[in-house]
N, C-alpha and C. Protein backbone atom coordinates (compact mmCIF):
# COMPACT_ATOMS: atom_id res chain seq x y z
N MET A 1 10.27 5.65 23.71
CA MET A 1 10.01 4.27 23.35
C MET A 1 10.96 3.38 24.14
N SER A 2 10.45 2.29 24.67
CA SER A 2 11.29 1.40 25.48
C SER A 2 12.26 0.64 24.59
N GLU A 3 13.33 0.15 25.22
CA GLU A 3 14.38 -0.54 24.49
C GLU A 3 13.87 -1.77 23.75
N GLU A 4 12.90 -2.50 24.36
CA GLU A 4 12.38 -3.71 23.72
C GLU A 4 11.64 -3.39 22.43
N LYS A 5 11.01 -2.21 22.37
CA LYS A 5 10.21 -1.86 21.21
C LYS A 5 11.00 -1.15 20.13
N GLY A 6 12.23 -0.79 20.41
CA GLY A 6 13.06 -0.13 19.42
C GLY A 6 13.53 -1.11 18.37
N LEU A 7 13.93 -0.59 17.26
CA LEU A 7 14.43 -1.41 16.15
C LEU A 7 15.91 -1.14 16.00
N ARG A 8 16.66 -2.19 15.75
CA ARG A 8 18.09 -2.06 15.51
C ARG A 8 18.41 -2.78 14.20
N ALA A 9 19.08 -2.08 13.32
CA ALA A 9 19.45 -2.65 12.03
C ALA A 9 20.94 -2.44 11.80
N LYS A 10 21.55 -3.42 11.18
CA LYS A 10 22.98 -3.34 10.89
C LYS A 10 23.17 -3.59 9.40
N LEU A 11 23.89 -2.66 8.75
CA LEU A 11 24.22 -2.81 7.34
C LEU A 11 25.70 -3.05 7.20
N GLU A 12 26.04 -4.00 6.37
CA GLU A 12 27.45 -4.24 6.05
C GLU A 12 27.62 -3.97 4.57
N LEU A 13 28.53 -3.07 4.26
CA LEU A 13 28.72 -2.64 2.89
C LEU A 13 30.20 -2.44 2.64
N ASP A 14 30.74 -3.16 1.68
CA ASP A 14 32.15 -3.04 1.32
C ASP A 14 33.07 -3.13 2.53
N GLY A 15 32.80 -4.08 3.42
CA GLY A 15 33.66 -4.29 4.58
C GLY A 15 33.41 -3.35 5.73
N GLN A 16 32.51 -2.38 5.57
CA GLN A 16 32.18 -1.45 6.64
C GLN A 16 30.82 -1.81 7.22
N SER A 17 30.69 -1.59 8.52
CA SER A 17 29.45 -1.91 9.19
C SER A 17 28.87 -0.64 9.81
N VAL A 18 27.58 -0.45 9.64
CA VAL A 18 26.89 0.70 10.20
C VAL A 18 25.64 0.20 10.91
N GLU A 19 25.38 0.73 12.12
CA GLU A 19 24.19 0.33 12.87
C GLU A 19 23.23 1.50 13.00
N PHE A 20 21.95 1.20 12.99
CA PHE A 20 20.90 2.19 13.15
C PHE A 20 19.95 1.70 14.23
N THR A 21 19.55 2.58 15.14
CA THR A 21 18.59 2.22 16.18
C THR A 21 17.54 3.32 16.31
N GLY A 22 16.37 2.93 16.76
CA GLY A 22 15.27 3.87 16.96
C GLY A 22 13.95 3.22 16.64
N THR A 23 12.96 4.05 16.40
CA THR A 23 11.66 3.53 15.99
C THR A 23 11.80 2.98 14.56
N PRO A 24 10.87 2.13 14.13
CA PRO A 24 10.96 1.63 12.75
C PRO A 24 11.03 2.75 11.72
N ASP A 25 10.24 3.81 11.89
CA ASP A 25 10.28 4.92 10.94
C ASP A 25 11.64 5.62 10.94
N GLU A 26 12.20 5.83 12.13
CA GLU A 26 13.51 6.48 12.24
C GLU A 26 14.61 5.65 11.59
N VAL A 27 14.55 4.33 11.82
CA VAL A 27 15.58 3.45 11.27
C VAL A 27 15.50 3.39 9.75
N VAL A 28 14.30 3.24 9.22
CA VAL A 28 14.14 3.19 7.76
C VAL A 28 14.60 4.51 7.14
N SER A 29 14.21 5.62 7.74
CA SER A 29 14.62 6.93 7.23
C SER A 29 16.13 7.08 7.26
N ALA A 30 16.77 6.66 8.36
CA ALA A 30 18.23 6.77 8.48
C ALA A 30 18.94 5.88 7.47
N ILE A 31 18.41 4.69 7.25
CA ILE A 31 19.03 3.78 6.28
C ILE A 31 18.94 4.37 4.88
N LEU A 32 17.75 4.88 4.51
CA LEU A 32 17.59 5.47 3.18
C LEU A 32 18.49 6.68 2.99
N LYS A 33 18.62 7.50 4.02
CA LYS A 33 19.50 8.66 3.95
C LYS A 33 20.95 8.21 3.76
N TYR A 34 21.36 7.21 4.53
CA TYR A 34 22.71 6.68 4.44
C TYR A 34 22.98 6.13 3.03
N LEU A 35 22.05 5.32 2.54
CA LEU A 35 22.24 4.73 1.21
C LEU A 35 22.28 5.80 0.11
N SER A 36 21.47 6.84 0.25
CA SER A 36 21.49 7.89 -0.78
C SER A 36 22.80 8.67 -0.76
N GLN A 37 23.47 8.72 0.42
CA GLN A 37 24.78 9.37 0.50
C GLN A 37 25.86 8.48 -0.08
N VAL A 38 25.74 7.17 0.19
CA VAL A 38 26.74 6.23 -0.31
C VAL A 38 26.57 6.01 -1.81
N TYR A 39 25.33 5.92 -2.24
CA TYR A 39 25.03 5.73 -3.65
C TYR A 39 24.16 6.88 -4.14
N PRO A 40 24.75 8.00 -4.55
CA PRO A 40 23.96 9.17 -4.96
C PRO A 40 22.95 8.87 -6.06
N ALA A 41 23.23 7.86 -6.85
CA ALA A 41 22.29 7.52 -7.93
C ALA A 41 20.94 7.10 -7.37
N LEU A 42 20.89 6.63 -6.12
CA LEU A 42 19.62 6.23 -5.54
C LEU A 42 18.65 7.40 -5.47
N SER A 43 19.14 8.58 -5.19
CA SER A 43 18.28 9.76 -5.12
C SER A 43 17.66 10.06 -6.47
N VAL A 44 18.44 9.92 -7.52
CA VAL A 44 17.94 10.17 -8.86
C VAL A 44 16.91 9.11 -9.23
N VAL A 45 17.19 7.86 -8.95
CA VAL A 45 16.26 6.78 -9.27
C VAL A 45 14.96 6.95 -8.50
N LYS A 46 15.05 7.35 -7.24
CA LYS A 46 13.86 7.52 -6.41
C LYS A 46 12.93 8.58 -7.00
N LYS A 47 13.47 9.58 -7.66
CA LYS A 47 12.65 10.61 -8.28
C LYS A 47 11.91 10.08 -9.50
N LEU A 48 12.46 9.07 -10.15
CA LEU A 48 11.85 8.53 -11.36
C LEU A 48 10.90 7.37 -11.10
N VAL A 49 11.20 6.55 -10.10
CA VAL A 49 10.46 5.32 -9.85
C VAL A 49 9.42 5.54 -8.76
N PHE A 50 8.17 5.18 -9.04
CA PHE A 50 7.12 5.28 -8.03
C PHE A 50 7.16 4.02 -7.18
N SER A 51 7.48 4.21 -5.94
CA SER A 51 7.52 3.11 -4.98
C SER A 51 6.88 3.61 -3.70
N PRO A 52 5.59 3.30 -3.51
CA PRO A 52 4.88 3.87 -2.37
C PRO A 52 5.46 3.43 -1.04
N ASP A 53 5.59 4.37 -0.16
CA ASP A 53 6.05 4.12 1.20
C ASP A 53 4.91 3.46 1.95
N LEU A 54 5.15 2.26 2.51
CA LEU A 54 4.12 1.50 3.20
C LEU A 54 3.50 2.30 4.35
N ALA A 55 4.33 3.00 5.10
CA ALA A 55 3.83 3.80 6.22
C ALA A 55 2.96 4.95 5.73
N ALA A 56 3.40 5.64 4.67
CA ALA A 56 2.63 6.76 4.12
C ALA A 56 1.31 6.27 3.54
N LEU A 57 1.35 5.14 2.85
CA LEU A 57 0.14 4.58 2.26
C LEU A 57 -0.84 4.19 3.37
N THR A 58 -0.34 3.56 4.41
CA THR A 58 -1.18 3.17 5.54
C THR A 58 -1.82 4.40 6.17
N GLU A 59 -1.05 5.45 6.33
CA GLU A 59 -1.56 6.69 6.92
C GLU A 59 -2.69 7.27 6.07
N LYS A 60 -2.49 7.32 4.76
CA LYS A 60 -3.50 7.89 3.87
C LYS A 60 -4.77 7.03 3.84
N VAL A 61 -4.61 5.72 3.76
CA VAL A 61 -5.73 4.81 3.64
C VAL A 61 -6.51 4.70 4.96
N SER A 62 -5.83 4.88 6.09
CA SER A 62 -6.47 4.67 7.40
C SER A 62 -7.64 5.62 7.67
N SER A 63 -7.68 6.76 6.99
CA SER A 63 -8.80 7.68 7.20
C SER A 63 -10.09 7.14 6.57
N ALA A 64 -9.97 6.22 5.64
CA ALA A 64 -11.14 5.71 4.93
C ALA A 64 -11.37 4.21 5.10
N LEU A 65 -10.39 3.48 5.65
CA LEU A 65 -10.47 2.03 5.71
C LEU A 65 -9.90 1.50 7.01
N SER A 66 -10.53 0.44 7.53
CA SER A 66 -10.00 -0.27 8.69
C SER A 66 -9.78 -1.72 8.31
N ILE A 67 -8.78 -2.33 8.92
CA ILE A 67 -8.49 -3.75 8.71
C ILE A 67 -8.58 -4.43 10.06
N THR A 68 -9.42 -5.45 10.17
CA THR A 68 -9.55 -6.16 11.44
C THR A 68 -8.38 -7.12 11.62
N ASP A 69 -8.26 -7.69 12.82
CA ASP A 69 -7.19 -8.66 13.08
C ASP A 69 -7.28 -9.88 12.18
N THR A 70 -8.48 -10.18 11.68
CA THR A 70 -8.65 -11.34 10.80
C THR A 70 -8.51 -10.98 9.32
N GLY A 71 -8.22 -9.71 9.03
CA GLY A 71 -8.01 -9.29 7.65
C GLY A 71 -9.26 -8.81 6.94
N THR A 72 -10.37 -8.71 7.67
CA THR A 72 -11.60 -8.18 7.08
C THR A 72 -11.44 -6.68 6.85
N LEU A 73 -11.89 -6.21 5.72
CA LEU A 73 -11.76 -4.81 5.35
C LEU A 73 -13.08 -4.09 5.58
N MET A 74 -13.02 -2.92 6.19
CA MET A 74 -14.22 -2.13 6.46
C MET A 74 -14.00 -0.70 5.98
N VAL A 75 -14.87 -0.26 5.06
CA VAL A 75 -14.80 1.09 4.54
C VAL A 75 -15.53 2.02 5.51
N LYS A 76 -14.87 3.11 5.90
CA LYS A 76 -15.40 4.02 6.91
C LYS A 76 -16.34 5.09 6.35
N LYS A 77 -16.26 5.37 5.06
CA LYS A 77 -17.11 6.43 4.51
C LYS A 77 -17.54 6.10 3.09
N ASN A 78 -18.61 6.74 2.66
CA ASN A 78 -19.12 6.53 1.31
C ASN A 78 -18.22 7.24 0.31
N MET A 79 -18.08 6.62 -0.85
CA MET A 79 -17.26 7.20 -1.92
C MET A 79 -17.70 6.61 -3.24
N ALA A 80 -17.20 7.17 -4.31
CA ALA A 80 -17.48 6.63 -5.64
C ALA A 80 -17.00 5.18 -5.70
N THR A 81 -17.69 4.37 -6.46
CA THR A 81 -17.36 2.94 -6.53
C THR A 81 -15.93 2.72 -7.03
N GLU A 82 -15.47 3.50 -7.99
CA GLU A 82 -14.09 3.36 -8.48
C GLU A 82 -13.10 3.57 -7.34
N ASP A 83 -13.30 4.63 -6.57
CA ASP A 83 -12.42 4.90 -5.44
C ASP A 83 -12.52 3.79 -4.40
N GLY A 84 -13.73 3.30 -4.18
CA GLY A 84 -13.93 2.22 -3.21
C GLY A 84 -13.20 0.95 -3.60
N VAL A 85 -13.26 0.59 -4.88
CA VAL A 85 -12.56 -0.61 -5.35
C VAL A 85 -11.05 -0.43 -5.19
N LEU A 86 -10.54 0.74 -5.54
CA LEU A 86 -9.10 1.00 -5.35
C LEU A 86 -8.74 0.93 -3.87
N LEU A 87 -9.58 1.49 -3.02
CA LEU A 87 -9.32 1.49 -1.59
C LEU A 87 -9.32 0.07 -1.02
N VAL A 88 -10.30 -0.72 -1.37
CA VAL A 88 -10.41 -2.08 -0.83
C VAL A 88 -9.30 -2.98 -1.36
N THR A 89 -8.98 -2.88 -2.66
CA THR A 89 -7.89 -3.71 -3.18
C THR A 89 -6.55 -3.29 -2.59
N SER A 90 -6.38 -2.00 -2.37
CA SER A 90 -5.16 -1.51 -1.71
C SER A 90 -5.11 -2.00 -0.26
N GLY A 91 -6.26 -1.95 0.40
CA GLY A 91 -6.34 -2.43 1.79
C GLY A 91 -6.02 -3.90 1.90
N ALA A 92 -6.47 -4.70 0.94
CA ALA A 92 -6.17 -6.13 0.94
C ALA A 92 -4.67 -6.36 0.76
N ASP A 93 -4.05 -5.55 -0.10
CA ASP A 93 -2.60 -5.65 -0.30
C ASP A 93 -1.85 -5.28 0.98
N LEU A 94 -2.27 -4.19 1.60
CA LEU A 94 -1.65 -3.77 2.87
C LEU A 94 -1.84 -4.83 3.95
N ALA A 95 -3.06 -5.37 4.05
CA ALA A 95 -3.35 -6.39 5.06
C ALA A 95 -2.47 -7.62 4.85
N THR A 96 -2.21 -7.96 3.60
CA THR A 96 -1.33 -9.09 3.29
C THR A 96 0.10 -8.78 3.73
N LYS A 97 0.57 -7.58 3.44
CA LYS A 97 1.93 -7.19 3.82
C LYS A 97 2.08 -7.10 5.34
N LEU A 98 0.98 -6.81 6.03
CA LEU A 98 1.00 -6.71 7.49
C LEU A 98 0.74 -8.06 8.16
N GLY A 99 0.54 -9.10 7.35
CA GLY A 99 0.32 -10.44 7.90
C GLY A 99 -1.09 -10.69 8.38
N LYS A 100 -2.05 -9.86 7.97
CA LYS A 100 -3.45 -10.02 8.39
C LYS A 100 -4.28 -10.83 7.40
N ARG A 101 -3.76 -10.97 6.18
CA ARG A 101 -4.43 -11.76 5.14
C ARG A 101 -3.39 -12.63 4.47
N ASN A 102 -3.86 -13.73 3.87
CA ASN A 102 -2.96 -14.61 3.14
C ASN A 102 -2.85 -14.25 1.67
N ASP A 103 -3.83 -13.51 1.16
CA ASP A 103 -3.89 -13.25 -0.27
C ASP A 103 -4.28 -11.79 -0.51
N PRO A 104 -3.54 -11.08 -1.37
CA PRO A 104 -3.87 -9.69 -1.65
C PRO A 104 -5.06 -9.52 -2.60
N SER A 105 -5.55 -10.61 -3.15
CA SER A 105 -6.68 -10.53 -4.08
C SER A 105 -8.00 -10.38 -3.33
N VAL A 106 -8.94 -9.71 -3.98
CA VAL A 106 -10.26 -9.48 -3.42
C VAL A 106 -11.28 -10.00 -4.41
N SER A 107 -12.26 -10.75 -3.94
CA SER A 107 -13.30 -11.27 -4.82
C SER A 107 -14.36 -10.20 -5.08
N VAL A 108 -15.10 -10.38 -6.14
CA VAL A 108 -16.22 -9.48 -6.44
C VAL A 108 -17.20 -9.50 -5.27
N GLU A 109 -17.45 -10.68 -4.72
CA GLU A 109 -18.38 -10.81 -3.60
C GLU A 109 -17.91 -9.99 -2.40
N GLU A 110 -16.61 -10.02 -2.10
CA GLU A 110 -16.09 -9.23 -0.98
C GLU A 110 -16.22 -7.74 -1.27
N LEU A 111 -15.98 -7.33 -2.50
CA LEU A 111 -16.15 -5.92 -2.88
C LEU A 111 -17.60 -5.49 -2.72
N VAL A 112 -18.54 -6.34 -3.15
CA VAL A 112 -19.97 -6.03 -3.02
C VAL A 112 -20.34 -5.83 -1.56
N LEU A 113 -19.91 -6.77 -0.70
CA LEU A 113 -20.24 -6.68 0.73
C LEU A 113 -19.56 -5.49 1.40
N THR A 114 -18.31 -5.26 1.09
CA THR A 114 -17.55 -4.19 1.74
C THR A 114 -18.03 -2.81 1.31
N LEU A 115 -18.34 -2.67 0.04
CA LEU A 115 -18.74 -1.36 -0.49
C LEU A 115 -20.25 -1.13 -0.46
N ASN A 116 -21.00 -2.22 -0.25
CA ASN A 116 -22.47 -2.14 -0.24
C ASN A 116 -22.98 -1.57 -1.57
N VAL A 117 -22.49 -2.17 -2.65
CA VAL A 117 -22.83 -1.75 -4.00
C VAL A 117 -23.30 -2.98 -4.77
N ALA A 118 -24.13 -2.80 -5.76
CA ALA A 118 -24.65 -3.90 -6.57
C ALA A 118 -23.51 -4.64 -7.28
N GLU A 119 -23.69 -5.94 -7.43
CA GLU A 119 -22.66 -6.77 -8.06
C GLU A 119 -22.36 -6.31 -9.49
N LYS A 120 -23.39 -5.98 -10.26
CA LYS A 120 -23.17 -5.53 -11.64
C LYS A 120 -22.32 -4.26 -11.67
N THR A 121 -22.57 -3.35 -10.74
CA THR A 121 -21.78 -2.12 -10.66
C THR A 121 -20.32 -2.46 -10.36
N VAL A 122 -20.09 -3.35 -9.41
CA VAL A 122 -18.72 -3.74 -9.05
C VAL A 122 -18.04 -4.38 -10.25
N ARG A 123 -18.73 -5.28 -10.93
CA ARG A 123 -18.12 -5.95 -12.10
C ARG A 123 -17.78 -4.93 -13.20
N ASN A 124 -18.68 -3.98 -13.45
CA ASN A 124 -18.41 -2.96 -14.47
C ASN A 124 -17.21 -2.09 -14.08
N VAL A 125 -17.15 -1.69 -12.82
CA VAL A 125 -16.03 -0.85 -12.35
C VAL A 125 -14.73 -1.64 -12.40
N CYS A 126 -14.76 -2.90 -12.00
CA CYS A 126 -13.54 -3.73 -12.05
C CYS A 126 -13.05 -3.89 -13.49
N SER A 127 -13.98 -4.05 -14.42
CA SER A 127 -13.61 -4.15 -15.84
C SER A 127 -12.93 -2.86 -16.31
N LEU A 128 -13.51 -1.72 -15.95
CA LEU A 128 -12.94 -0.43 -16.32
C LEU A 128 -11.56 -0.23 -15.70
N LEU A 129 -11.43 -0.50 -14.39
CA LEU A 129 -10.15 -0.31 -13.71
C LEU A 129 -9.08 -1.27 -14.22
N THR A 130 -9.50 -2.46 -14.67
CA THR A 130 -8.55 -3.40 -15.26
C THR A 130 -8.04 -2.87 -16.60
N LYS A 131 -8.93 -2.35 -17.39
CA LYS A 131 -8.54 -1.76 -18.69
C LYS A 131 -7.60 -0.58 -18.49
N GLN A 132 -7.82 0.20 -17.43
CA GLN A 132 -6.97 1.36 -17.14
C GLN A 132 -5.64 0.94 -16.52
N GLY A 133 -5.53 -0.31 -16.09
CA GLY A 133 -4.29 -0.79 -15.48
C GLY A 133 -4.19 -0.51 -13.98
N ASP A 134 -5.30 -0.08 -13.36
CA ASP A 134 -5.26 0.23 -11.93
C ASP A 134 -5.43 -1.00 -11.03
N ILE A 135 -6.10 -2.02 -11.55
CA ILE A 135 -6.19 -3.29 -10.83
C ILE A 135 -5.87 -4.40 -11.82
N VAL A 136 -5.53 -5.57 -11.28
CA VAL A 136 -5.16 -6.72 -12.10
C VAL A 136 -6.12 -7.85 -11.76
N ARG A 137 -6.62 -8.49 -12.79
CA ARG A 137 -7.49 -9.65 -12.58
C ARG A 137 -6.62 -10.87 -12.33
N ASP A 138 -6.76 -11.47 -11.15
CA ASP A 138 -5.95 -12.64 -10.80
C ASP A 138 -6.60 -13.93 -11.27
N GLY A 139 -7.87 -13.99 -11.22
CA GLY A 139 -8.60 -15.19 -11.61
C GLY A 139 -10.03 -14.80 -11.85
N LYS A 140 -10.88 -15.79 -11.99
CA LYS A 140 -12.28 -15.49 -12.24
C LYS A 140 -12.88 -14.77 -11.03
N GLY A 141 -13.11 -13.49 -11.19
CA GLY A 141 -13.77 -12.72 -10.15
C GLY A 141 -12.89 -12.28 -9.00
N THR A 142 -11.56 -12.33 -9.14
CA THR A 142 -10.68 -11.82 -8.09
C THR A 142 -9.72 -10.80 -8.67
N TYR A 143 -9.47 -9.75 -7.88
CA TYR A 143 -8.65 -8.63 -8.34
C TYR A 143 -7.68 -8.18 -7.26
N ARG A 144 -6.58 -7.57 -7.71
CA ARG A 144 -5.62 -6.98 -6.78
C ARG A 144 -5.17 -5.63 -7.36
N ILE A 145 -4.68 -4.79 -6.48
CA ILE A 145 -4.25 -3.45 -6.89
C ILE A 145 -2.93 -3.52 -7.65
N SER A 146 -2.74 -2.63 -8.60
CA SER A 146 -1.47 -2.51 -9.32
C SER A 146 -0.74 -1.28 -8.78
N PRO A 147 0.55 -1.14 -9.08
CA PRO A 147 1.25 0.09 -8.67
C PRO A 147 0.57 1.35 -9.21
N SER A 148 0.06 1.28 -10.43
CA SER A 148 -0.66 2.41 -10.99
C SER A 148 -1.91 2.71 -10.17
N GLY A 149 -2.60 1.68 -9.72
CA GLY A 149 -3.78 1.86 -8.89
C GLY A 149 -3.45 2.50 -7.56
N VAL A 150 -2.32 2.11 -6.97
CA VAL A 150 -1.89 2.72 -5.71
C VAL A 150 -1.62 4.20 -5.93
N TYR A 151 -0.94 4.51 -7.02
CA TYR A 151 -0.65 5.92 -7.34
C TYR A 151 -1.95 6.72 -7.49
N HIS A 152 -2.89 6.17 -8.25
CA HIS A 152 -4.15 6.89 -8.46
C HIS A 152 -4.96 7.00 -7.17
N LEU A 153 -4.92 5.98 -6.33
CA LEU A 153 -5.61 6.05 -5.04
C LEU A 153 -5.00 7.16 -4.18
N LEU A 154 -3.68 7.21 -4.11
CA LEU A 154 -3.03 8.27 -3.33
C LEU A 154 -3.38 9.65 -3.87
N THR A 155 -3.45 9.78 -5.17
CA THR A 155 -3.82 11.05 -5.80
C THR A 155 -5.25 11.42 -5.42
N ARG A 156 -6.12 10.45 -5.46
CA ARG A 156 -7.53 10.70 -5.13
C ARG A 156 -7.73 11.00 -3.65
N LEU A 157 -6.87 10.47 -2.80
CA LEU A 157 -6.96 10.74 -1.37
C LEU A 157 -6.26 12.03 -1.01
N GLY A 158 -5.78 12.76 -2.03
CA GLY A 158 -5.15 14.06 -1.79
C GLY A 158 -3.69 13.98 -1.41
N SER A 159 -3.00 12.94 -1.88
CA SER A 159 -1.60 12.78 -1.53
C SER A 159 -0.73 13.63 -2.43
N GLY A 160 0.28 14.21 -1.81
CA GLY A 160 1.30 14.92 -2.57
C GLY A 160 2.52 14.03 -2.77
N ASP A 161 2.32 12.71 -2.66
CA ASP A 161 3.45 11.79 -2.69
C ASP A 161 3.85 11.39 -4.10
N ARG A 162 3.93 12.32 -4.98
CA ARG A 162 4.39 12.03 -6.34
C ARG A 162 5.90 11.90 -6.32
N PRO A 163 6.39 10.86 -7.01
CA PRO A 163 7.85 10.68 -7.04
C PRO A 163 8.57 11.86 -7.65
């Protein structure tokens, strides 16, 4: 990787300074390793708290979903509507974090178009997923993924990323 594309991060902690350089994945990994050595309790907390790794989530979701430069979501394969809703709402959240969308919420209309499923089916599935806590209703007809929904999506995509 060329020098311009490398990432450099500097942490200052209790008067000490530590620098990390490399690819974004290498730097994040090195920082987390350093922090877990400095604060051993972080390792214990990480085992208890589900906090999906953005890179790992992107890797898992990319086999089934594409995000265009304008933030449009495209599902690559057919799946159960529940899985599709979780995938699209997760994709909208990822697209927002990547700066491709302004809002992580997805409308029922966008779900219908993206999944190619009847509106009544989408509304019924969204109601069920909301009751289960996997998605959150933001407003009339708009939904976003919850941490529980991300966990269930990763599980359904065959992830072994359990905390």
